[in-house]
């Protein structure tokens, strides 16, 4: 004779109901927990890769907005690499965002502007911070 098979899952006892709990019997105190299984299984490696790609896209979008808002092409000028990095850190701090790593920032900025290593004193050529607009007032 074969043993009787019980359905898989945590065992519940009718006598373990908590007082005042309208939801029905409580779980057994043996440590079994119900685990909800998502309807579609996503591989953790794929999920991590998707999150990484989303982060890269977000950083690139923020970087492009920074370049458009804060920097301008101005031939004959140069800017040490530390200046745009400090501007970027300040902008991120004001918005409550993570600035990332200086090396990655410099590499992204080098795609937009000419980068000169300058014997250990790196700089960007033909770029400057946008000139602030003068505050105008109406005089009567």
N, C-alpha and C. Protein backbone atom coordinates (compact mmCIF):
# COMPACT_ATOMS: atom_id res chain seq x y z
N UNK A 1 0.84 -1.16 0.00
CA UNK A 1 0.00 0.00 0.00
C UNK A 1 0.89 1.24 0.00
N UNK A 2 0.55 2.22 -0.81
CA UNK A 2 1.34 3.44 -0.94
C UNK A 2 0.94 4.44 0.15
N UNK A 3 1.96 5.23 0.63
CA UNK A 3 1.63 6.24 1.64
C UNK A 3 0.81 7.37 1.03
N UNK A 4 0.02 8.00 1.83
CA UNK A 4 -0.82 9.09 1.37
C UNK A 4 0.05 10.34 1.16
N UNK A 5 -0.05 10.96 -0.03
CA UNK A 5 0.73 12.16 -0.35
C UNK A 5 -0.07 13.40 0.00
N UNK A 6 0.62 14.35 0.63
CA UNK A 6 -0.03 15.61 0.98
C UNK A 6 0.43 16.68 0.00
N UNK A 7 -0.41 17.71 -0.24
CA UNK A 7 0.01 18.77 -1.15
C UNK A 7 1.22 19.52 -0.60
N UNK A 8 2.06 20.00 -1.53
CA UNK A 8 3.27 20.73 -1.14
C UNK A 8 2.88 22.08 -0.57
N UNK A 9 3.75 22.59 0.28
CA UNK A 9 3.49 23.90 0.87
C UNK A 9 3.53 23.80 2.37
N UNK A 10 3.44 24.95 3.04
CA UNK A 10 3.51 24.93 4.49
C UNK A 10 2.26 24.32 5.09
N UNK A 11 2.46 23.64 6.18
CA UNK A 11 1.33 23.03 6.88
C UNK A 11 0.68 24.08 7.76
N UNK A 12 -0.62 24.05 7.81
CA UNK A 12 -1.34 24.97 8.66
C UNK A 12 -2.23 24.16 9.59
N UNK A 13 -2.32 24.59 10.82
CA UNK A 13 -3.13 23.93 11.79
C UNK A 13 -4.28 24.85 12.17
N UNK A 14 -5.44 24.26 12.32
CA UNK A 14 -6.60 25.07 12.66
C UNK A 14 -6.54 25.57 14.09
N UNK A 15 -5.76 24.88 14.93
CA UNK A 15 -5.71 25.32 16.31
C UNK A 15 -4.67 26.41 16.55
N UNK A 16 -3.92 26.80 15.51
CA UNK A 16 -2.89 27.83 15.68
C UNK A 16 -3.39 29.21 15.27
N UNK A 17 -4.69 29.39 15.21
CA UNK A 17 -5.25 30.67 14.83
C UNK A 17 -5.02 31.67 15.95
N UNK A 18 -4.56 32.86 15.55
CA UNK A 18 -4.32 33.92 16.53
C UNK A 18 -5.65 34.54 16.90
N UNK A 19 -5.79 34.97 18.14
CA UNK A 19 -7.05 35.60 18.54
C UNK A 19 -7.24 36.92 17.80
N UNK A 20 -8.43 37.12 17.29
CA UNK A 20 -8.75 38.36 16.59
C UNK A 20 -8.27 38.40 15.16
N UNK A 21 -7.75 37.28 14.62
CA UNK A 21 -7.26 37.25 13.25
C UNK A 21 -8.36 36.72 12.35
N UNK A 22 -9.00 37.58 11.55
CA UNK A 22 -10.10 37.14 10.72
C UNK A 22 -9.65 36.40 9.47
N UNK A 23 -8.35 36.37 9.20
CA UNK A 23 -7.88 35.80 7.94
C UNK A 23 -7.87 34.29 7.93
N UNK A 24 -8.10 33.64 9.04
CA UNK A 24 -8.10 32.18 9.05
C UNK A 24 -6.96 31.65 9.86
N UNK A 25 -6.63 30.40 9.62
CA UNK A 25 -5.58 29.79 10.43
C UNK A 25 -4.22 30.43 10.17
N UNK A 26 -3.44 30.56 11.24
CA UNK A 26 -2.10 31.12 11.11
C UNK A 26 -1.14 30.01 10.71
N UNK A 27 0.06 30.40 10.30
CA UNK A 27 1.05 29.42 9.89
C UNK A 27 1.59 28.69 11.11
N UNK A 28 2.06 27.51 10.86
CA UNK A 28 2.65 26.70 11.93
C UNK A 28 3.95 27.37 12.38
N UNK A 29 4.28 27.23 13.62
CA UNK A 29 5.46 27.90 14.17
C UNK A 29 6.75 27.13 13.89
N UNK A 30 6.75 26.21 12.93
CA UNK A 30 7.95 25.42 12.64
C UNK A 30 8.91 26.18 11.75
N UNK A 31 8.56 27.39 11.32
CA UNK A 31 9.46 28.17 10.49
C UNK A 31 9.12 28.13 9.02
N UNK A 32 8.11 27.40 8.64
CA UNK A 32 7.72 27.38 7.24
C UNK A 32 7.09 28.71 6.87
N UNK A 33 7.47 29.22 5.73
CA UNK A 33 6.91 30.48 5.27
C UNK A 33 6.40 30.29 3.85
N UNK A 34 5.33 30.96 3.58
CA UNK A 34 4.83 30.92 2.20
C UNK A 34 5.71 31.82 1.36
N UNK A 35 6.07 31.33 0.21
CA UNK A 35 6.86 32.12 -0.72
C UNK A 35 6.05 32.31 -1.98
N UNK A 36 5.89 33.56 -2.35
CA UNK A 36 5.14 33.81 -3.58
C UNK A 36 6.09 33.67 -4.77
N UNK A 37 5.69 32.89 -5.71
CA UNK A 37 6.48 32.66 -6.90
C UNK A 37 5.93 33.57 -7.99
N UNK A 38 6.79 34.41 -8.59
CA UNK A 38 6.28 35.28 -9.64
C UNK A 38 5.77 34.46 -10.82
N UNK A 39 4.85 35.05 -11.56
CA UNK A 39 4.26 34.31 -12.67
C UNK A 39 5.28 34.02 -13.76
N UNK A 40 6.26 34.92 -13.94
CA UNK A 40 7.34 34.68 -14.89
C UNK A 40 8.66 34.77 -14.14
N UNK A 41 9.50 33.78 -14.32
CA UNK A 41 10.78 33.74 -13.63
C UNK A 41 11.81 34.54 -14.41
N UNK A 42 12.52 35.44 -13.72
CA UNK A 42 13.58 36.23 -14.34
C UNK A 42 14.90 35.79 -13.73
N UNK A 43 15.82 35.42 -14.58
CA UNK A 43 17.13 34.99 -14.13
C UNK A 43 17.83 36.16 -13.41
N UNK A 44 18.41 35.94 -12.24
CA UNK A 44 19.08 37.03 -11.52
C UNK A 44 20.20 37.69 -12.31
N UNK A 45 20.90 36.92 -13.13
CA UNK A 45 21.97 37.50 -13.95
C UNK A 45 21.39 38.47 -14.98
N UNK A 46 20.29 38.09 -15.58
CA UNK A 46 19.63 38.95 -16.56
C UNK A 46 19.10 40.21 -15.87
N UNK A 47 18.54 40.05 -14.69
CA UNK A 47 18.01 41.19 -13.95
C UNK A 47 19.12 42.16 -13.59
N UNK A 48 20.27 41.66 -13.11
CA UNK A 48 21.41 42.52 -12.79
C UNK A 48 21.90 43.25 -14.02
N UNK A 49 21.95 42.57 -15.16
CA UNK A 49 22.41 43.19 -16.40
C UNK A 49 21.45 44.30 -16.83
N UNK A 50 20.15 44.07 -16.69
CA UNK A 50 19.17 45.09 -17.05
C UNK A 50 19.29 46.30 -16.13
N UNK A 51 19.51 46.07 -14.85
CA UNK A 51 19.67 47.18 -13.91
C UNK A 51 20.93 47.98 -14.22
N UNK A 52 22.01 47.28 -14.58
CA UNK A 52 23.26 47.95 -14.92
C UNK A 52 23.09 48.81 -16.17
N UNK A 53 22.41 48.27 -17.18
CA UNK A 53 22.17 49.03 -18.42
C UNK A 53 21.29 50.25 -18.15
N UNK A 54 20.30 50.10 -17.29
CA UNK A 54 19.42 51.23 -16.96
C UNK A 54 20.20 52.31 -16.24
N UNK A 55 21.13 51.91 -15.36
CA UNK A 55 21.95 52.89 -14.65
C UNK A 55 22.86 53.64 -15.61
N UNK A 56 23.46 52.93 -16.57
CA UNK A 56 24.33 53.57 -17.55
C UNK A 56 23.54 54.55 -18.40
N UNK A 57 22.35 54.18 -18.81
CA UNK A 57 21.52 55.07 -19.61
C UNK A 57 21.14 56.31 -18.81
N UNK A 58 20.83 56.13 -17.52
CA UNK A 58 20.47 57.27 -16.67
C UNK A 58 21.65 58.22 -16.50
N UNK A 59 22.84 57.67 -16.24
CA UNK A 59 24.02 58.52 -16.07
C UNK A 59 24.34 59.25 -17.36
N UNK A 60 24.22 58.56 -18.50
CA UNK A 60 24.51 59.22 -19.79
C UNK A 60 23.50 60.34 -20.06
N UNK A 61 22.24 60.12 -19.71
CA UNK A 61 21.22 61.15 -19.91
C UNK A 61 21.52 62.37 -19.05
N UNK A 62 21.88 62.14 -17.77
CA UNK A 62 22.22 63.24 -16.88
C UNK A 62 23.47 63.97 -17.35
N UNK A 63 24.45 63.21 -17.87
CA UNK A 63 25.69 63.81 -18.36
C UNK A 63 25.42 64.69 -19.57
N UNK A 64 24.60 64.22 -20.49
CA UNK A 64 24.26 65.01 -21.68
C UNK A 64 23.56 66.31 -21.30
N UNK A 65 22.68 66.24 -20.31
CA UNK A 65 22.00 67.45 -19.84
C UNK A 65 22.99 68.41 -19.20
N UNK A 66 23.97 67.88 -18.47
CA UNK A 66 25.00 68.71 -17.85
C UNK A 66 25.81 69.44 -18.92
N UNK A 67 26.24 68.72 -19.95
CA UNK A 67 27.03 69.33 -21.01
C UNK A 67 26.23 70.43 -21.70
N UNK A 68 24.95 70.17 -21.97
CA UNK A 68 24.12 71.17 -22.64
C UNK A 68 23.87 72.40 -21.76
N UNK A 69 23.72 72.20 -20.46
CA UNK A 69 23.37 73.30 -19.56
C UNK A 69 24.58 74.09 -19.07
N UNK A 70 25.71 73.43 -18.85
CA UNK A 70 26.82 74.07 -18.14
C UNK A 70 28.04 74.39 -18.99
N UNK A 71 28.24 73.72 -20.12
CA UNK A 71 29.46 73.91 -20.90
C UNK A 71 29.14 74.42 -22.30
N UNK A 72 30.13 75.09 -22.89
CA UNK A 72 29.96 75.55 -24.26
C UNK A 72 31.30 75.49 -24.99
N UNK A 73 31.24 75.33 -26.30
CA UNK A 73 32.44 75.31 -27.13
C UNK A 73 32.91 76.75 -27.30
N UNK A 74 34.19 76.96 -27.01
CA UNK A 74 34.77 78.28 -27.16
C UNK A 74 36.21 78.07 -27.63
N UNK A 75 36.45 78.28 -28.92
CA UNK A 75 37.74 77.98 -29.51
C UNK A 75 38.84 78.85 -28.92
N UNK A 76 39.99 78.22 -28.68
CA UNK A 76 41.13 78.93 -28.14
C UNK A 76 41.21 78.91 -26.62
N UNK A 77 40.28 78.26 -25.97
CA UNK A 77 40.31 78.19 -24.50
C UNK A 77 40.57 76.75 -24.07
N UNK A 78 40.88 76.58 -22.83
CA UNK A 78 41.01 75.24 -22.27
C UNK A 78 40.49 75.26 -20.85
N UNK A 79 40.23 74.06 -20.34
CA UNK A 79 39.67 73.91 -19.00
C UNK A 79 40.33 72.69 -18.36
N UNK A 80 40.97 72.84 -17.20
CA UNK A 80 41.51 71.66 -16.51
C UNK A 80 40.40 70.66 -16.20
N UNK A 81 40.72 69.39 -16.22
CA UNK A 81 39.69 68.36 -16.04
C UNK A 81 39.01 68.45 -14.68
N UNK A 82 39.67 69.04 -13.72
CA UNK A 82 39.08 69.13 -12.38
C UNK A 82 37.91 70.11 -12.34
N UNK A 83 37.93 71.16 -13.16
CA UNK A 83 36.85 72.15 -13.13
C UNK A 83 35.49 71.56 -13.52
N UNK A 84 35.37 70.86 -14.66
CA UNK A 84 34.05 70.30 -14.96
C UNK A 84 33.63 69.23 -13.95
N UNK A 85 34.60 68.49 -13.38
CA UNK A 85 34.28 67.48 -12.37
C UNK A 85 33.69 68.15 -11.13
N UNK A 86 34.26 69.27 -10.70
CA UNK A 86 33.74 69.99 -9.54
C UNK A 86 32.34 70.53 -9.84
N UNK A 87 32.14 71.03 -11.07
CA UNK A 87 30.81 71.51 -11.46
C UNK A 87 29.80 70.37 -11.44
N UNK A 88 30.22 69.20 -11.93
CA UNK A 88 29.35 68.01 -11.97
C UNK A 88 28.98 67.56 -10.55
N UNK A 89 29.99 67.51 -9.65
CA UNK A 89 29.72 67.11 -8.27
C UNK A 89 28.76 68.07 -7.60
N UNK A 90 28.96 69.37 -7.84
CA UNK A 90 28.06 70.37 -7.25
C UNK A 90 26.64 70.20 -7.77
N UNK A 91 26.50 69.98 -9.07
CA UNK A 91 25.18 69.79 -9.68
C UNK A 91 24.50 68.55 -9.09
N UNK A 92 25.25 67.45 -8.98
CA UNK A 92 24.67 66.22 -8.43
C UNK A 92 24.29 66.39 -6.96
N UNK A 93 25.10 67.12 -6.20
CA UNK A 93 24.80 67.35 -4.80
C UNK A 93 23.52 68.17 -4.65
N UNK A 94 23.33 69.15 -5.51
CA UNK A 94 22.13 69.98 -5.45
C UNK A 94 20.88 69.17 -5.77
N UNK A 95 21.02 68.15 -6.62
CA UNK A 95 19.88 67.33 -7.03
C UNK A 95 19.75 66.05 -6.22
N UNK A 96 20.70 65.80 -5.33
CA UNK A 96 20.65 64.59 -4.51
C UNK A 96 20.96 63.33 -5.29
N UNK A 97 21.84 63.43 -6.28
CA UNK A 97 22.20 62.29 -7.12
C UNK A 97 23.64 61.88 -6.83
N UNK A 98 23.99 60.67 -7.25
CA UNK A 98 25.35 60.16 -7.08
C UNK A 98 26.19 60.64 -8.25
N UNK A 99 27.33 61.32 -8.01
CA UNK A 99 28.15 61.81 -9.13
C UNK A 99 28.94 60.72 -9.84
N UNK A 100 29.13 59.58 -9.21
CA UNK A 100 29.89 58.51 -9.85
C UNK A 100 31.38 58.67 -9.61
N UNK A 101 32.17 58.21 -10.57
CA UNK A 101 33.62 58.20 -10.46
C UNK A 101 34.20 59.22 -11.43
N UNK A 102 35.25 59.94 -10.99
CA UNK A 102 35.83 61.00 -11.81
C UNK A 102 36.39 60.46 -13.12
N UNK A 103 36.99 59.29 -13.09
CA UNK A 103 37.57 58.72 -14.32
C UNK A 103 36.49 58.48 -15.37
N UNK A 104 35.35 57.91 -14.95
CA UNK A 104 34.27 57.67 -15.90
C UNK A 104 33.69 58.98 -16.42
N UNK A 105 33.57 59.98 -15.55
CA UNK A 105 33.08 61.28 -15.97
C UNK A 105 34.00 61.89 -17.02
N UNK A 106 35.31 61.83 -16.77
CA UNK A 106 36.28 62.40 -17.71
C UNK A 106 36.23 61.65 -19.04
N UNK A 107 36.07 60.34 -19.01
CA UNK A 107 35.99 59.57 -20.25
C UNK A 107 34.74 59.93 -21.05
N UNK A 108 33.61 60.13 -20.35
CA UNK A 108 32.39 60.54 -21.06
C UNK A 108 32.55 61.94 -21.65
N UNK A 109 33.20 62.84 -20.90
CA UNK A 109 33.38 64.21 -21.38
C UNK A 109 34.37 64.25 -22.55
N UNK A 110 35.34 63.33 -22.55
CA UNK A 110 36.32 63.28 -23.64
C UNK A 110 35.67 62.86 -24.95
N UNK A 111 34.49 62.25 -24.90
CA UNK A 111 33.78 61.92 -26.14
C UNK A 111 33.20 63.18 -26.79
N UNK A 112 32.93 64.21 -25.98
CA UNK A 112 32.34 65.45 -26.49
C UNK A 112 33.38 66.51 -26.82
N UNK A 113 34.47 66.54 -26.08
CA UNK A 113 35.47 67.59 -26.24
C UNK A 113 36.86 66.98 -26.37
N UNK A 114 37.75 67.74 -27.02
CA UNK A 114 39.12 67.28 -27.22
C UNK A 114 39.85 67.25 -25.87
N UNK A 115 40.51 66.15 -25.58
CA UNK A 115 41.20 65.95 -24.31
C UNK A 115 42.69 65.97 -24.56
N UNK A 116 43.43 66.74 -23.76
CA UNK A 116 44.89 66.84 -23.87
C UNK A 116 45.49 66.40 -22.54
N UNK A 117 46.42 65.43 -22.57
CA UNK A 117 47.04 64.94 -21.34
C UNK A 117 48.00 65.96 -20.74
N UNK A 118 48.66 66.77 -21.56
CA UNK A 118 49.44 67.93 -21.12
C UNK A 118 50.46 67.57 -20.04
N UNK A 119 51.25 66.52 -20.27
CA UNK A 119 52.32 66.12 -19.35
C UNK A 119 51.87 65.98 -17.91
N UNK A 120 50.79 65.25 -17.70
CA UNK A 120 50.32 64.99 -16.35
C UNK A 120 49.37 66.04 -15.80
N UNK A 121 49.06 67.06 -16.58
CA UNK A 121 48.09 68.08 -16.16
C UNK A 121 46.96 68.09 -17.18
N UNK A 122 46.07 67.10 -17.12
CA UNK A 122 45.06 66.94 -18.18
C UNK A 122 44.11 68.13 -18.25
N UNK A 123 43.66 68.38 -19.48
CA UNK A 123 42.74 69.48 -19.71
C UNK A 123 41.89 69.19 -20.94
N UNK A 124 40.79 69.91 -21.03
CA UNK A 124 39.94 69.85 -22.21
C UNK A 124 40.17 71.11 -23.02
N UNK A 125 40.28 70.95 -24.33
CA UNK A 125 40.54 72.08 -25.21
C UNK A 125 39.24 72.59 -25.83
N UNK A 126 39.20 73.88 -26.10
CA UNK A 126 38.08 74.54 -26.80
C UNK A 126 36.75 74.37 -26.07
N UNK A 127 36.78 74.47 -24.76
CA UNK A 127 35.56 74.37 -23.97
C UNK A 127 35.69 75.30 -22.77
N UNK A 128 34.56 75.83 -22.34
CA UNK A 128 34.54 76.64 -21.13
C UNK A 128 33.17 76.52 -20.48
N UNK A 129 33.10 76.96 -19.24
CA UNK A 129 31.82 76.99 -18.55
C UNK A 129 30.98 78.10 -19.19
N UNK A 130 29.71 77.85 -19.32
CA UNK A 130 28.85 78.87 -19.91
C UNK A 130 28.90 80.13 -19.06
N UNK A 131 28.99 81.24 -19.76
CA UNK A 131 29.00 82.51 -19.06
C UNK A 131 27.63 82.75 -18.44
N UNK A 132 27.64 83.16 -17.19
CA UNK A 132 26.36 83.42 -16.54
C UNK A 132 25.74 84.67 -17.16
N UNK A 133 24.45 84.63 -17.28
CA UNK A 133 23.75 85.76 -17.86
C UNK A 133 23.78 86.93 -16.88
N UNK A 134 24.03 88.11 -17.38
CA UNK A 134 24.04 89.25 -16.46
C UNK A 134 22.63 89.51 -15.93
N UNK A 135 22.57 89.88 -14.69
CA UNK A 135 21.26 90.18 -14.12
C UNK A 135 20.87 91.59 -14.57
N UNK A 136 19.80 91.65 -15.29
CA UNK A 136 19.33 92.93 -15.83
C UNK A 136 18.23 93.48 -14.94
N UNK A 137 18.20 94.76 -14.84
CA UNK A 137 17.13 95.38 -14.10
C UNK A 137 16.62 96.58 -14.88
N UNK A 138 15.40 96.88 -14.68
CA UNK A 138 14.78 98.01 -15.38
C UNK A 138 14.95 99.24 -14.52
N UNK A 139 15.54 100.27 -15.15
CA UNK A 139 15.74 101.53 -14.45
C UNK A 139 14.71 102.51 -14.99
N UNK A 140 13.97 103.13 -14.11
CA UNK A 140 12.94 104.07 -14.57
C UNK A 140 13.38 105.50 -14.43
